[in-house]
Amino acid sequence: MWAAAPAEPESLAQRVSRATELAAFFWMMTAVTAKYLVRRDLVFVQCQLEELQGLVQEVERLLSGKPWQYRRGSLSQFEPTITAQKQAVSRLCAEMLSLTP
């Protein structure tokens, strides 16, 4: 098996630009997720929680300047009820706001 050459580190400007794009995408997808919460589509919302969590973690990684690292398993916790899903979305929104003042 061949070892991949180490990736060039991203510049601060590149990381900030990418984090800005991902934050905007997060808010767009949060609106879609809220729509499906209203429709009570628990399965779709659970899938979106995983995606939203990934976006939060990627923005956090970019802003901290850490290199990408594989993470095994699910990024989010299973939320079996509408109430728990609403709380999870609110928590993720608060996390994103803290990262992007």
C-alpha atoms as a PDB file:
ATOM      1  CA  MET A   1       0.000   0.000   0.000  1.00  0.00           C
ATOM      2  CA  TRP A   2       1.300   3.431  -0.916  1.00  0.00           C
ATOM      3  CA  ALA A   3       1.528   6.190   1.627  1.00  0.00           C
ATOM      4  CA  ALA A   4      -0.070   9.435   0.517  1.00  0.00           C
ATOM      5  CA  ALA A   5       2.057  12.540   0.508  1.00  0.00           C
ATOM      6  CA  PRO A   6       1.129  14.899   3.325  1.00  0.00           C
ATOM      7  CA  ALA A   7      -1.345  17.538   2.225  1.00  0.00           C
ATOM      8  CA  GLU A   8      -0.210  21.134   2.097  1.00  0.00           C
ATOM      9  CA  PRO A   9      -1.594  23.002   5.100  1.00  0.00           C
ATOM     10  CA  GLU A  10      -4.347  25.430   4.224  1.00  0.00           C
ATOM     11  CA  SER A  11      -3.642  29.111   4.682  1.00  0.00           C
ATOM     12  CA  LEU A  12      -5.631  31.097   7.211  1.00  0.00           C
ATOM     13  CA  ALA A  13      -7.498  32.863   4.394  1.00  0.00           C
ATOM     14  CA  GLN A  14      -8.409  29.524   2.780  1.00  0.00           C
ATOM     15  CA  ARG A  15      -9.617  28.105   6.099  1.00  0.00           C
ATOM     16  CA  VAL A  16     -11.697  31.195   6.903  1.00  0.00           C
ATOM     17  CA  SER A  17     -13.232  31.195   3.426  1.00  0.00           C
ATOM     18  CA  ARG A  18     -14.131  27.507   3.642  1.00  0.00           C
ATOM     19  CA  ALA A  19     -15.489  27.894   7.193  1.00  0.00           C
ATOM     20  CA  THR A  20     -17.669  30.788   6.009  1.00  0.00           C
ATOM     21  CA  GLU A  21     -19.085  28.674   3.170  1.00  0.00           C
ATOM     22  CA  LEU A  22     -19.781  25.751   5.494  1.00  0.00           C
ATOM     23  CA  ALA A  23     -21.418  27.996   8.104  1.00  0.00           C
ATOM     24  CA  ALA A  24     -23.753  29.438   5.444  1.00  0.00           C
ATOM     25  CA  PHE A  25     -24.574  25.908   4.267  1.00  0.00           C
ATOM     26  CA  PHE A  26     -25.232  24.893   7.895  1.00  0.00           C
ATOM     27  CA  TRP A  27     -27.840  27.643   8.302  1.00  0.00           C
ATOM     28  CA  MET A  28     -29.477  26.767   4.997  1.00  0.00           C
ATOM     29  CA  MET A  29     -29.724  23.092   5.988  1.00  0.00           C
ATOM     30  CA  THR A  30     -30.964  24.019   9.459  1.00  0.00           C
ATOM     31  CA  ALA A  31     -33.958  25.699   7.811  1.00  0.00           C
ATOM     32  CA  VAL A  32     -34.645  22.530   5.814  1.00  0.00           C
ATOM     33  CA  THR A  33     -34.305  20.442   8.975  1.00  0.00           C
ATOM     34  CA  ALA A  34     -36.773  22.697  10.812  1.00  0.00           C
ATOM     35  CA  LYS A  35     -39.272  22.176   7.998  1.00  0.00           C
ATOM     36  CA  TYR A  36     -39.024  18.412   8.451  1.00  0.00           C
ATOM     37  CA  LEU A  37     -39.353  18.781  12.225  1.00  0.00           C
ATOM     38  CA  VAL A  38     -42.679  20.508  11.621  1.00  0.00           C
ATOM     39  CA  ARG A  39     -43.650  17.615   9.331  1.00  0.00           C
ATOM     40  CA  ARG A  40     -42.624  15.206  12.116  1.00  0.00           C
ATOM     41  CA  ASP A  41     -40.306  13.240   9.826  1.00  0.00           C
ATOM     42  CA  LEU A  42     -38.058  11.798  12.540  1.00  0.00           C
ATOM     43  CA  VAL A  43     -35.936   9.718  10.171  1.00  0.00           C
ATOM     44  CA  PHE A  44     -35.050  12.616   7.866  1.00  0.00           C
ATOM     45  CA  VAL A  45     -34.319  14.872  10.835  1.00  0.00           C
ATOM     46  CA  GLN A  46     -32.039  12.263  12.400  1.00  0.00           C
ATOM     47  CA  CYS A  47     -30.067  12.014   9.164  1.00  0.00           C
ATOM     48  CA  GLN A  48     -29.811  15.800   9.029  1.00  0.00           C
ATOM     49  CA  LEU A  49     -28.602  15.959  12.628  1.00  0.00           C
ATOM     50  CA  GLU A  50     -25.630  13.829  11.576  1.00  0.00           C
ATOM     51  CA  GLU A  51     -24.890  16.198   8.678  1.00  0.00           C
ATOM     52  CA  LEU A  52     -25.301  19.332  10.806  1.00  0.00           C
ATOM     53  CA  GLN A  53     -22.996  17.902  13.464  1.00  0.00           C
ATOM     54  CA  GLY A  54     -20.402  17.221  10.782  1.00  0.00           C
ATOM     55  CA  LEU A  55     -20.627  20.799   9.546  1.00  0.00           C
ATOM     56  CA  VAL A  56     -20.152  22.177  13.062  1.00  0.00           C
ATOM     57  CA  GLN A  57     -17.130  19.963  13.613  1.00  0.00           C
ATOM     58  CA  GLU A  58     -15.599  20.897  10.257  1.00  0.00           C
ATOM     59  CA  VAL A  59     -16.007  24.637  10.911  1.00  0.00           C
ATOM     60  CA  GLU A  60     -14.442  24.142  14.337  1.00  0.00           C
ATOM     61  CA  ARG A  61     -11.540  22.220  12.765  1.00  0.00           C
ATOM     62  CA  LEU A  62     -10.951  24.873  10.109  1.00  0.00           C
ATOM     63  CA  LEU A  63     -10.973  27.717  12.611  1.00  0.00           C
ATOM     64  CA  SER A  64      -8.575  25.916  14.938  1.00  0.00           C
ATOM     65  CA  GLY A  65      -6.194  25.051  12.093  1.00  0.00           C
ATOM     66  CA  LYS A  66      -6.100  21.342  12.930  1.00  0.00           C
ATOM     67  CA  PRO A  67      -5.592  18.864  10.094  1.00  0.00           C
ATOM     68  CA  TRP A  68      -8.481  16.662   8.965  1.00  0.00           C
ATOM     69  CA  GLN A  69      -8.659  13.376  10.865  1.00  0.00           C
ATOM     70  CA  TYR A  70     -10.848  10.345  10.273  1.00  0.00           C
ATOM     71  CA  ARG A  71     -13.435   9.739  12.977  1.00  0.00           C
ATOM     72  CA  ARG A  72     -15.037   6.347  13.338  1.00  0.00           C
ATOM     73  CA  GLY A  73     -18.744   5.971  13.926  1.00  0.00           C
ATOM     74  CA  SER A  74     -21.574   8.424  14.142  1.00  0.00           C
ATOM     75  CA  LEU A  75     -20.923  12.085  14.871  1.00  0.00           C
ATOM     76  CA  SER A  76     -24.328  12.655  16.443  1.00  0.00           C
ATOM     77  CA  GLN A  77     -26.362  10.969  19.127  1.00  0.00           C
ATOM     78  CA  PHE A  78     -29.593   9.191  18.207  1.00  0.00           C
ATOM     79  CA  GLU A  79     -32.555  11.383  19.162  1.00  0.00           C
ATOM     80  CA  PRO A  80     -35.715   9.231  19.246  1.00  0.00           C
ATOM     81  CA  THR A  81     -38.341  11.944  19.826  1.00  0.00           C
ATOM     82  CA  ILE A  82     -39.359  15.225  18.223  1.00  0.00           C
ATOM     83  CA  THR A  83     -38.581  17.042  21.468  1.00  0.00           C
ATOM     84  CA  ALA A  84     -35.080  15.578  21.647  1.00  0.00           C
ATOM     85  CA  GLN A  85     -34.509  16.405  17.978  1.00  0.00           C
ATOM     86  CA  LYS A  86     -35.615  20.021  18.509  1.00  0.00           C
ATOM     87  CA  GLN A  87     -33.208  20.296  21.434  1.00  0.00           C
ATOM     88  CA  ALA A  88     -30.398  18.812  19.334  1.00  0.00           C
ATOM     89  CA  VAL A  89     -31.008  21.332  16.536  1.00  0.00           C
ATOM     90  CA  SER A  90     -31.027  24.173  19.084  1.00  0.00           C
ATOM     91  CA  ARG A  91     -27.776  22.894  20.601  1.00  0.00           C
ATOM     92  CA  LEU A  92     -26.113  22.695  17.187  1.00  0.00           C
ATOM     93  CA  CYS A  93     -27.275  26.222  16.340  1.00  0.00           C
ATOM     94  CA  ALA A  94     -25.801  27.498  19.600  1.00  0.00           C
ATOM     95  CA  GLU A  95     -22.511  25.715  18.838  1.00  0.00           C
ATOM     96  CA  MET A  96     -22.344  27.251  15.356  1.00  0.00           C
ATOM     97  CA  LEU A  97     -23.133  30.715  16.733  1.00  0.00           C
ATOM     98  CA  SER A  98     -20.317  30.361  19.250  1.00  0.00           C
ATOM     99  CA  LEU A  99     -17.910  29.465  16.445  1.00  0.00           C
ATOM    100  CA  THR A 100     -19.001  32.241  14.077  1.00  0.00           C
ATOM    101  CA  PRO A 101     -19.802  35.386  16.066  1.00  0.00           C
END
